[in-house]
Amino acid sequence: MILNIIQIIISILLILAILLQNRGAGLGSAFGGEGNIYRTKRGAEKFLYFATIILVIAFMVTAFINIIF
């Protein structure tokens, strides 16, 4: 029972982390500008990137544990 609640919380956090990430296409591409500039992840974008990876791993682990028990 508690594992299901943890999995629901992780899934909600994962959805939020994915939705908050920048898609990489700004308004410049809408008006004919090039959006093909390589840039590194910094600050909040880097945090969301790593948080998404950690939440995916946590979700998969809880899913496998839920199957076993």
PDB file of N, CA and C in Angstrom:
ATOM      1  N   MET A   1       0.828  -1.196   0.000  1.00  0.00           N
ATOM      2  CA  MET A   1       0.000   0.000   0.000  1.00  0.00           C
ATOM      3  C   MET A   1       0.873   1.262   0.000  1.00  0.00           C
ATOM      4  N   ILE A   2       1.855   1.296   0.881  1.00  0.00           N
ATOM      5  CA  ILE A   2       2.724   2.473   0.972  1.00  0.00           C
ATOM      6  C   ILE A   2       3.577   2.612  -0.285  1.00  0.00           C
ATOM      7  N   LEU A   3       3.926   1.472  -0.887  1.00  0.00           N
ATOM      8  CA  LEU A   3       4.721   1.500  -2.117  1.00  0.00           C
ATOM      9  C   LEU A   3       3.936   2.127  -3.273  1.00  0.00           C
ATOM     10  N   ASN A   4       2.631   1.877  -3.312  1.00  0.00           N
ATOM     11  CA  ASN A   4       1.794   2.484  -4.353  1.00  0.00           C
ATOM     12  C   ASN A   4       1.732   4.003  -4.193  1.00  0.00           C
ATOM     13  N   ILE A   5       1.643   4.474  -2.970  1.00  0.00           N
ATOM     14  CA  ILE A   5       1.598   5.917  -2.716  1.00  0.00           C
ATOM     15  C   ILE A   5       2.926   6.558  -3.113  1.00  0.00           C
ATOM     16  N   ILE A   6       4.041   5.899  -2.783  1.00  0.00           N
ATOM     17  CA  ILE A   6       5.357   6.416  -3.160  1.00  0.00           C
ATOM     18  C   ILE A   6       5.479   6.482  -4.675  1.00  0.00           C
ATOM     19  N   GLN A   7       4.988   5.463  -5.351  1.00  0.00           N
ATOM     20  CA  GLN A   7       5.067   5.435  -6.811  1.00  0.00           C
ATOM     21  C   GLN A   7       4.205   6.538  -7.434  1.00  0.00           C
ATOM     22  N   ILE A   8       3.059   6.819  -6.879  1.00  0.00           N
ATOM     23  CA  ILE A   8       2.210   7.900  -7.384  1.00  0.00           C
ATOM     24  C   ILE A   8       2.890   9.247  -7.190  1.00  0.00           C
ATOM     25  N   ILE A   9       3.511   9.459  -6.026  1.00  0.00           N
ATOM     26  CA  ILE A   9       4.212  10.717  -5.756  1.00  0.00           C
ATOM     27  C   ILE A   9       5.379  10.890  -6.726  1.00  0.00           C
ATOM     28  N   ILE A  10       6.148   9.823  -6.942  1.00  0.00           N
ATOM     29  CA  ILE A  10       7.275   9.887  -7.878  1.00  0.00           C
ATOM     30  C   ILE A  10       6.784  10.179  -9.288  1.00  0.00           C
ATOM     31  N   SER A  11       5.675   9.558  -9.690  1.00  0.00           N
ATOM     32  CA  SER A  11       5.173   9.789 -11.047  1.00  0.00           C
ATOM     33  C   SER A  11       4.695  11.224 -11.233  1.00  0.00           C
ATOM     34  N   ILE A  12       4.069  11.813 -10.222  1.00  0.00           N
ATOM     35  CA  ILE A  12       3.637  13.215 -10.316  1.00  0.00           C
ATOM     36  C   ILE A  12       4.850  14.134 -10.409  1.00  0.00           C
ATOM     37  N   LEU A  13       5.880  13.874  -9.599  1.00  0.00           N
ATOM     38  CA  LEU A  13       7.094  14.679  -9.661  1.00  0.00           C
ATOM     39  C   LEU A  13       7.794  14.523 -11.008  1.00  0.00           C
ATOM     40  N   LEU A  14       7.766  13.322 -11.562  1.00  0.00           N
ATOM     41  CA  LEU A  14       8.380  13.075 -12.871  1.00  0.00           C
ATOM     42  C   LEU A  14       7.645  13.828 -13.970  1.00  0.00           C
ATOM     43  N   ILE A  15       6.336  13.838 -13.924  1.00  0.00           N
ATOM     44  CA  ILE A  15       5.552  14.584 -14.906  1.00  0.00           C
ATOM     45  C   ILE A  15       5.872  16.073 -14.815  1.00  0.00           C
ATOM     46  N   LEU A  16       5.946  16.605 -13.601  1.00  0.00           N
ATOM     47  CA  LEU A  16       6.272  18.017 -13.420  1.00  0.00           C
ATOM     48  C   LEU A  16       7.667  18.348 -13.933  1.00  0.00           C
ATOM     49  N   ALA A  17       8.633  17.470 -13.660  1.00  0.00           N
ATOM     50  CA  ALA A  17      10.007  17.710 -14.106  1.00  0.00           C
ATOM     51  C   ALA A  17      10.091  17.715 -15.635  1.00  0.00           C
ATOM     52  N   ILE A  18       9.352  16.830 -16.273  1.00  0.00           N
ATOM     53  CA  ILE A  18       9.367  16.775 -17.734  1.00  0.00           C
ATOM     54  C   ILE A  18       8.688  17.999 -18.331  1.00  0.00           C
ATOM     55  N   LEU A  19       7.573  18.413 -17.759  1.00  0.00           N
ATOM     56  CA  LEU A  19       6.853  19.560 -18.296  1.00  0.00           C
ATOM     57  C   LEU A  19       7.588  20.876 -18.087  1.00  0.00           C
ATOM     58  N   LEU A  20       8.412  20.959 -17.055  1.00  0.00           N
ATOM     59  CA  LEU A  20       9.143  22.192 -16.779  1.00  0.00           C
ATOM     60  C   LEU A  20      10.396  22.352 -17.633  1.00  0.00           C
ATOM     61  N   GLN A  21      10.808  21.300 -18.295  1.00  0.00           N
ATOM     62  CA  GLN A  21      12.021  21.393 -19.102  1.00  0.00           C
ATOM     63  C   GLN A  21      11.773  22.211 -20.350  1.00  0.00           C
ATOM     64  N   ASN A  22      12.803  22.917 -20.752  1.00  0.00           N
ATOM     65  CA  ASN A  22      12.735  23.743 -21.953  1.00  0.00           C
ATOM     66  C   ASN A  22      12.823  22.849 -23.182  1.00  0.00           C
ATOM     67  N   ARG A  23      12.009  23.112 -24.168  1.00  0.00           N
ATOM     68  CA  ARG A  23      11.993  22.293 -25.379  1.00  0.00           C
ATOM     69  C   ARG A  23      13.139  22.622 -26.326  1.00  0.00           C
ATOM     70  N   GLY A  24      13.789  23.750 -26.137  1.00  0.00           N
ATOM     71  CA  GLY A  24      14.918  24.106 -26.981  1.00  0.00           C
ATOM     72  C   GLY A  24      14.548  24.974 -28.165  1.00  0.00           C
ATOM     73  N   ALA A  25      13.286  25.127 -28.458  1.00  0.00           N
ATOM     74  CA  ALA A  25      12.863  25.982 -29.574  1.00  0.00           C
ATOM     75  C   ALA A  25      12.247  27.244 -28.999  1.00  0.00           C
ATOM     76  N   GLY A  26      12.920  28.347 -29.182  1.00  0.00           N
ATOM     77  CA  GLY A  26      12.428  29.611 -28.659  1.00  0.00           C
ATOM     78  C   GLY A  26      11.615  30.363 -29.691  1.00  0.00           C
ATOM     79  N   LEU A  27      11.304  31.600 -29.396  1.00  0.00           N
ATOM     80  CA  LEU A  27      10.543  32.420 -30.324  1.00  0.00           C
ATOM     81  C   LEU A  27      11.355  32.793 -31.558  1.00  0.00           C
ATOM     82  N   GLY A  28      12.666  32.728 -31.471  1.00  0.00           N
ATOM     83  CA  GLY A  28      13.500  33.060 -32.624  1.00  0.00           C
ATOM     84  C   GLY A  28      13.237  32.160 -33.806  1.00  0.00           C
ATOM     85  N   SER A  29      12.966  30.894 -33.551  1.00  0.00           N
ATOM     86  CA  SER A  29      12.690  29.980 -34.650  1.00  0.00           C
ATOM     87  C   SER A  29      11.309  30.216 -35.236  1.00  0.00           C
ATOM     88  N   ALA A  30      10.393  30.791 -34.454  1.00  0.00           N
ATOM     89  CA  ALA A  30       9.055  31.068 -34.965  1.00  0.00           C
ATOM     90  C   ALA A  30       9.074  32.191 -35.995  1.00  0.00           C
ATOM     91  N   PHE A  31      10.048  33.100 -35.895  1.00  0.00           N
ATOM     92  CA  PHE A  31      10.133  34.227 -36.808  1.00  0.00           C
ATOM     93  C   PHE A  31      11.250  34.060 -37.833  1.00  0.00           C
ATOM     94  N   GLY A  32      11.674  32.843 -38.071  1.00  0.00           N
ATOM     95  CA  GLY A  32      12.648  32.574 -39.109  1.00  0.00           C
ATOM     96  C   GLY A  32      14.083  32.513 -38.624  1.00  0.00           C
ATOM     97  N   GLY A  33      14.315  32.663 -37.347  1.00  0.00           N
ATOM     98  CA  GLY A  33      15.675  32.593 -36.822  1.00  0.00           C
ATOM     99  C   GLY A  33      16.142  31.165 -36.680  1.00  0.00           C
ATOM    100  N   GLU A  34      17.416  30.986 -36.629  1.00  0.00           N
ATOM    101  CA  GLU A  34      17.980  29.652 -36.466  1.00  0.00           C
ATOM    102  C   GLU A  34      18.008  29.296 -34.990  1.00  0.00           C
ATOM    103  N   GLY A  35      17.534  28.119 -34.646  1.00  0.00           N
ATOM    104  CA  GLY A  35      17.563  27.655 -33.272  1.00  0.00           C
ATOM    105  C   GLY A  35      18.560  26.536 -33.073  1.00  0.00           C
ATOM    106  N   ASN A  36      19.541  26.406 -33.947  1.00  0.00           N
ATOM    107  CA  ASN A  36      20.482  25.294 -33.922  1.00  0.00           C
ATOM    108  C   ASN A  36      21.759  25.637 -33.177  1.00  0.00           C
ATOM    109  N   ILE A  37      21.676  26.382 -32.138  1.00  0.00           N
ATOM    110  CA  ILE A  37      22.862  26.788 -31.386  1.00  0.00           C
ATOM    111  C   ILE A  37      23.096  25.777 -30.267  1.00  0.00           C
ATOM    112  N   TYR A  38      24.301  25.231 -30.218  1.00  0.00           N
ATOM    113  CA  TYR A  38      24.647  24.301 -29.151  1.00  0.00           C
ATOM    114  C   TYR A  38      24.945  25.090 -27.887  1.00  0.00           C
ATOM    115  N   ARG A  39      24.339  24.667 -26.801  1.00  0.00           N
ATOM    116  CA  ARG A  39      24.610  25.314 -25.526  1.00  0.00           C
ATOM    117  C   ARG A  39      24.574  24.267 -24.430  1.00  0.00           C
ATOM    118  N   THR A  40      25.284  24.547 -23.365  1.00  0.00           N
ATOM    119  CA  THR A  40      25.329  23.608 -22.255  1.00  0.00           C
ATOM    120  C   THR A  40      24.201  23.910 -21.281  1.00  0.00           C
ATOM    121  N   LYS A  41      23.834  22.895 -20.533  1.00  0.00           N
ATOM    122  CA  LYS A  41      22.791  23.070 -19.531  1.00  0.00           C
ATOM    123  C   LYS A  41      23.392  23.753 -18.306  1.00  0.00           C
ATOM    124  N   ARG A  42      22.694  24.758 -17.800  1.00  0.00           N
ATOM    125  CA  ARG A  42      23.175  25.490 -16.640  1.00  0.00           C
ATOM    126  C   ARG A  42      22.027  25.746 -15.686  1.00  0.00           C
ATOM    127  N   GLY A  43      22.351  25.837 -14.426  1.00  0.00           N
ATOM    128  CA  GLY A  43      21.396  26.253 -13.405  1.00  0.00           C
ATOM    129  C   GLY A  43      20.217  25.317 -13.262  1.00  0.00           C
ATOM    130  N   ALA A  44      19.027  25.912 -13.349  1.00  0.00           N
ATOM    131  CA  ALA A  44      17.789  25.156 -13.144  1.00  0.00           C
ATOM    132  C   ALA A  44      17.581  24.102 -14.216  1.00  0.00           C
ATOM    133  N   GLU A  45      18.020  24.391 -15.436  1.00  0.00           N
ATOM    134  CA  GLU A  45      17.871  23.424 -16.525  1.00  0.00           C
ATOM    135  C   GLU A  45      18.684  22.162 -16.246  1.00  0.00           C
ATOM    136  N   LYS A  46      19.880  22.331 -15.717  1.00  0.00           N
ATOM    137  CA  LYS A  46      20.733  21.190 -15.378  1.00  0.00           C
ATOM    138  C   LYS A  46      20.133  20.412 -14.212  1.00  0.00           C
ATOM    139  N   PHE A  47      19.589  21.138 -13.227  1.00  0.00           N
ATOM    140  CA  PHE A  47      18.947  20.486 -12.084  1.00  0.00           C
ATOM    141  C   PHE A  47      17.748  19.658 -12.539  1.00  0.00           C
ATOM    142  N   LEU A  48      16.913  20.217 -13.422  1.00  0.00           N
ATOM    143  CA  LEU A  48      15.749  19.481 -13.913  1.00  0.00           C
ATOM    144  C   LEU A  48      16.159  18.258 -14.724  1.00  0.00           C
ATOM    145  N   TYR A  49      17.239  18.381 -15.466  1.00  0.00           N
ATOM    146  CA  TYR A  49      17.739  17.257 -16.264  1.00  0.00           C
ATOM    147  C   TYR A  49      18.140  16.087 -15.363  1.00  0.00           C
ATOM    148  N   PHE A  50      18.937  16.383 -14.343  1.00  0.00           N
ATOM    149  CA  PHE A  50      19.373  15.316 -13.440  1.00  0.00           C
ATOM    150  C   PHE A  50      18.241  14.827 -12.548  1.00  0.00           C
ATOM    151  N   ALA A  51      17.334  15.718 -12.163  1.00  0.00           N
ATOM    152  CA  ALA A  51      16.179  15.305 -11.357  1.00  0.00           C
ATOM    153  C   ALA A  51      15.297  14.354 -12.150  1.00  0.00           C
ATOM    154  N   THR A  52      15.160  14.593 -13.453  1.00  0.00           N
ATOM    155  CA  THR A  52      14.361  13.708 -14.294  1.00  0.00           C
ATOM    156  C   THR A  52      14.985  12.322 -14.367  1.00  0.00           C
ATOM    157  N   ILE A  53      16.297  12.268 -14.513  1.00  0.00           N
ATOM    158  CA  ILE A  53      16.984  10.972 -14.563  1.00  0.00           C
ATOM    159  C   ILE A  53      16.813  10.220 -13.248  1.00  0.00           C
ATOM    160  N   ILE A  54      16.989  10.913 -12.142  1.00  0.00           N
ATOM    161  CA  ILE A  54      16.852  10.277 -10.824  1.00  0.00           C
ATOM    162  C   ILE A  54      15.422   9.808 -10.588  1.00  0.00           C
ATOM    163  N   LEU A  55      14.436  10.622 -10.979  1.00  0.00           N
ATOM    164  CA  LEU A  55      13.042  10.231 -10.793  1.00  0.00           C
ATOM    165  C   LEU A  55      12.657   9.048 -11.673  1.00  0.00           C
ATOM    166  N   VAL A  56      13.211   8.973 -12.888  1.00  0.00           N
ATOM    167  CA  VAL A  56      12.935   7.815 -13.751  1.00  0.00           C
ATOM    168  C   VAL A  56      13.503   6.546 -13.131  1.00  0.00           C
ATOM    169  N   ILE A  57      14.717   6.634 -12.620  1.00  0.00           N
ATOM    170  CA  ILE A  57      15.334   5.467 -11.975  1.00  0.00           C
ATOM    171  C   ILE A  57      14.531   5.056 -10.740  1.00  0.00           C
ATOM    172  N   ALA A  58      14.113   6.041  -9.934  1.00  0.00           N
ATOM    173  CA  ALA A  58      13.319   5.737  -8.740  1.00  0.00           C
ATOM    174  C   ALA A  58      11.975   5.117  -9.113  1.00  0.00           C
ATOM    175  N   PHE A  59      11.361   5.615 -10.173  1.00  0.00           N
ATOM    176  CA  PHE A  59      10.082   5.062 -10.617  1.00  0.00           C
ATOM    177  C   PHE A  59      10.248   3.620 -11.088  1.00  0.00           C
ATOM    178  N   MET A  60      11.311   3.362 -11.843  1.00  0.00           N
ATOM    179  CA  MET A  60      11.544   1.994 -12.322  1.00  0.00           C
ATOM    180  C   MET A  60      11.826   1.034 -11.172  1.00  0.00           C
ATOM    181  N   VAL A  61      12.608   1.484 -10.196  1.00  0.00           N
ATOM    182  CA  VAL A  61      12.918   0.630  -9.041  1.00  0.00           C
ATOM    183  C   VAL A  61      11.648   0.308  -8.264  1.00  0.00           C
ATOM    184  N   THR A  62      10.814   1.310  -8.011  1.00  0.00           N
ATOM    185  CA  THR A  62       9.573   1.054  -7.275  1.00  0.00           C
ATOM    186  C   THR A  62       8.628   0.171  -8.079  1.00  0.00           C
ATOM    187  N   ALA A  63       8.643   0.314  -9.404  1.00  0.00           N
ATOM    188  CA  ALA A  63       7.790  -0.543 -10.236  1.00  0.00           C
ATOM    189  C   ALA A  63       8.246  -1.997 -10.157  1.00  0.00           C
ATOM    190  N   PHE A  64       9.559  -2.234 -10.218  1.00  0.00           N
ATOM    191  CA  PHE A  64      10.069  -3.595 -10.119  1.00  0.00           C
ATOM    192  C   PHE A  64       9.839  -4.186  -8.729  1.00  0.00           C
ATOM    193  N   ILE A  65      10.005  -3.377  -7.701  1.00  0.00           N
ATOM    194  CA  ILE A  65       9.744  -3.855  -6.341  1.00  0.00           C
ATOM    195  C   ILE A  65       8.260  -4.175  -6.175  1.00  0.00           C
ATOM    196  N   ASN A  66       7.410  -3.368  -6.790  1.00  0.00           N
ATOM    197  CA  ASN A  66       5.974  -3.594  -6.710  1.00  0.00           C
ATOM    198  C   ASN A  66       5.577  -4.899  -7.414  1.00  0.00           C
ATOM    199  N   ILE A  67       6.291  -5.255  -8.479  1.00  0.00           N
ATOM    200  CA  ILE A  67       6.018  -6.519  -9.173  1.00  0.00           C
ATOM    201  C   ILE A  67       6.426  -7.701  -8.305  1.00  0.00           C
ATOM    202  N   ILE A  68       7.570  -7.579  -7.643  1.00  0.00           N
ATOM    203  CA  ILE A  68       8.085  -8.691  -6.841  1.00  0.00           C
ATOM    204  C   ILE A  68       7.205  -8.964  -5.638  1.00  0.00           C
ATOM    205  N   PHE A  69       6.758  -7.907  -4.966  1.00  0.00           N
ATOM    206  CA  PHE A  69       5.961  -8.114  -3.749  1.00  0.00           C
ATOM    207  C   PHE A  69       4.517  -8.050  -4.069  1.00  0.00           C
TER     208      PHE A  69
END
